[in-house]
Protein backbone atom coordinates (compact mmCIF):
# COMPACT_ATOMS: atom_id res chain seq x y z
CA MET A 1 -105.03 -82.16 3.22
CA ASP A 2 -105.58 -83.85 0.14
CA ASP A 3 -109.51 -84.11 1.16
CA MET A 4 -110.14 -80.89 1.95
CA LYS A 5 -112.72 -78.85 0.00
CA GLU A 6 -110.99 -76.22 -2.23
CA SER A 7 -113.47 -73.81 -0.28
CA LYS A 8 -111.77 -74.51 2.62
CA GLN A 9 -108.12 -74.34 1.74
CA ILE A 10 -108.95 -71.22 -0.23
CA GLU A 11 -110.50 -69.64 3.78
CA MET A 12 -107.66 -70.96 5.21
CA PHE A 13 -104.96 -68.96 2.46
CA THR A 14 -106.90 -66.48 2.94
CA ASP A 15 -107.23 -66.32 6.92
CA GLU A 16 -102.91 -67.01 6.24
CA LEU A 17 -102.06 -64.15 3.76
CA ASP A 18 -104.67 -61.67 6.16
CA LYS A 19 -102.62 -63.00 8.96
CA LEU A 20 -99.03 -62.46 7.75
CA THR A 21 -99.94 -58.59 5.24
CA GLY A 22 -101.48 -57.57 8.93
CA ARG A 23 -98.67 -58.65 10.29
CA TYR A 24 -95.95 -56.89 8.38
CA ALA A 25 -98.09 -53.53 8.47
CA SER A 26 -98.10 -53.25 11.76
CA GLU A 27 -94.47 -54.06 12.37
CA PHE A 28 -92.74 -52.75 9.66
CA ASP A 29 -92.98 -49.51 7.84
CA LEU A 30 -93.55 -50.58 4.62
CA THR A 31 -96.39 -48.62 3.10
CA VAL A 32 -99.68 -50.06 1.58
CA ALA A 33 -98.13 -49.41 -1.64
CA SER A 34 -95.02 -51.04 -1.48
CA MET A 35 -97.18 -54.40 0.10
CA VAL A 36 -99.77 -54.15 -2.88
CA GLY A 37 -96.39 -53.72 -5.50
CA VAL A 38 -95.16 -57.13 -3.90
CA LEU A 39 -98.19 -58.62 -3.46
CA GLN A 40 -98.23 -58.03 -7.25
CA CYS A 41 -95.23 -59.75 -8.09
CA GLN A 42 -95.97 -62.40 -6.34
CA ILE A 43 -99.29 -63.07 -8.77
CA HIS A 44 -97.05 -62.50 -11.90
CA GLN A 45 -94.61 -65.37 -9.97
CA LEU A 46 -97.56 -67.65 -9.45
CA ILE A 47 -99.27 -67.00 -12.59
CA HIS A 48 -95.98 -67.59 -15.04
CA ALA A 49 -94.86 -70.84 -13.08
CA ALA A 50 -98.89 -72.20 -13.98
CA LEU A 51 -97.62 -71.12 -18.03
CA ILE A 52 -94.94 -73.01 -17.65
CA SER A 53 -96.41 -75.97 -16.10
CA ASP A 54 -98.70 -76.35 -18.49
CA ASP A 55 -96.59 -75.87 -21.08
CA ASP A 56 -94.40 -78.73 -19.74
CA ASP A 57 -97.36 -80.82 -19.69
CA ASP A 58 -98.05 -79.98 -23.40
CA ASP A 59 -94.82 -80.84 -24.45
CA GLU A 60 -95.38 -84.34 -22.45
CA GLU A 61 -98.34 -84.85 -24.03
CA ASP A 62 -97.05 -84.16 -27.58
CA GLU A 63 -94.59 -87.19 -26.93
CA GLU A 64 -96.77 -89.52 -26.01
CA GLU A 65 -98.41 -89.15 -29.17
CA THR A 66 -95.40 -89.32 -30.97
CA VAL A 67 -94.81 -92.86 -29.82
């Protein structure tokens, strides 16, 4: 998968997300607002994880500069 273009990865991710949300919409009694709320929480978690990862990378660069 490392050699797969980002556009193809995005397409595959989108397709899987469509299938998942479609399945939950048809099999469960979740409202659209509930599903959107869950997706929003996931967005915030992804952003938070990315920020923490960036902070860790910055810390490693700082350590390399002081050595």
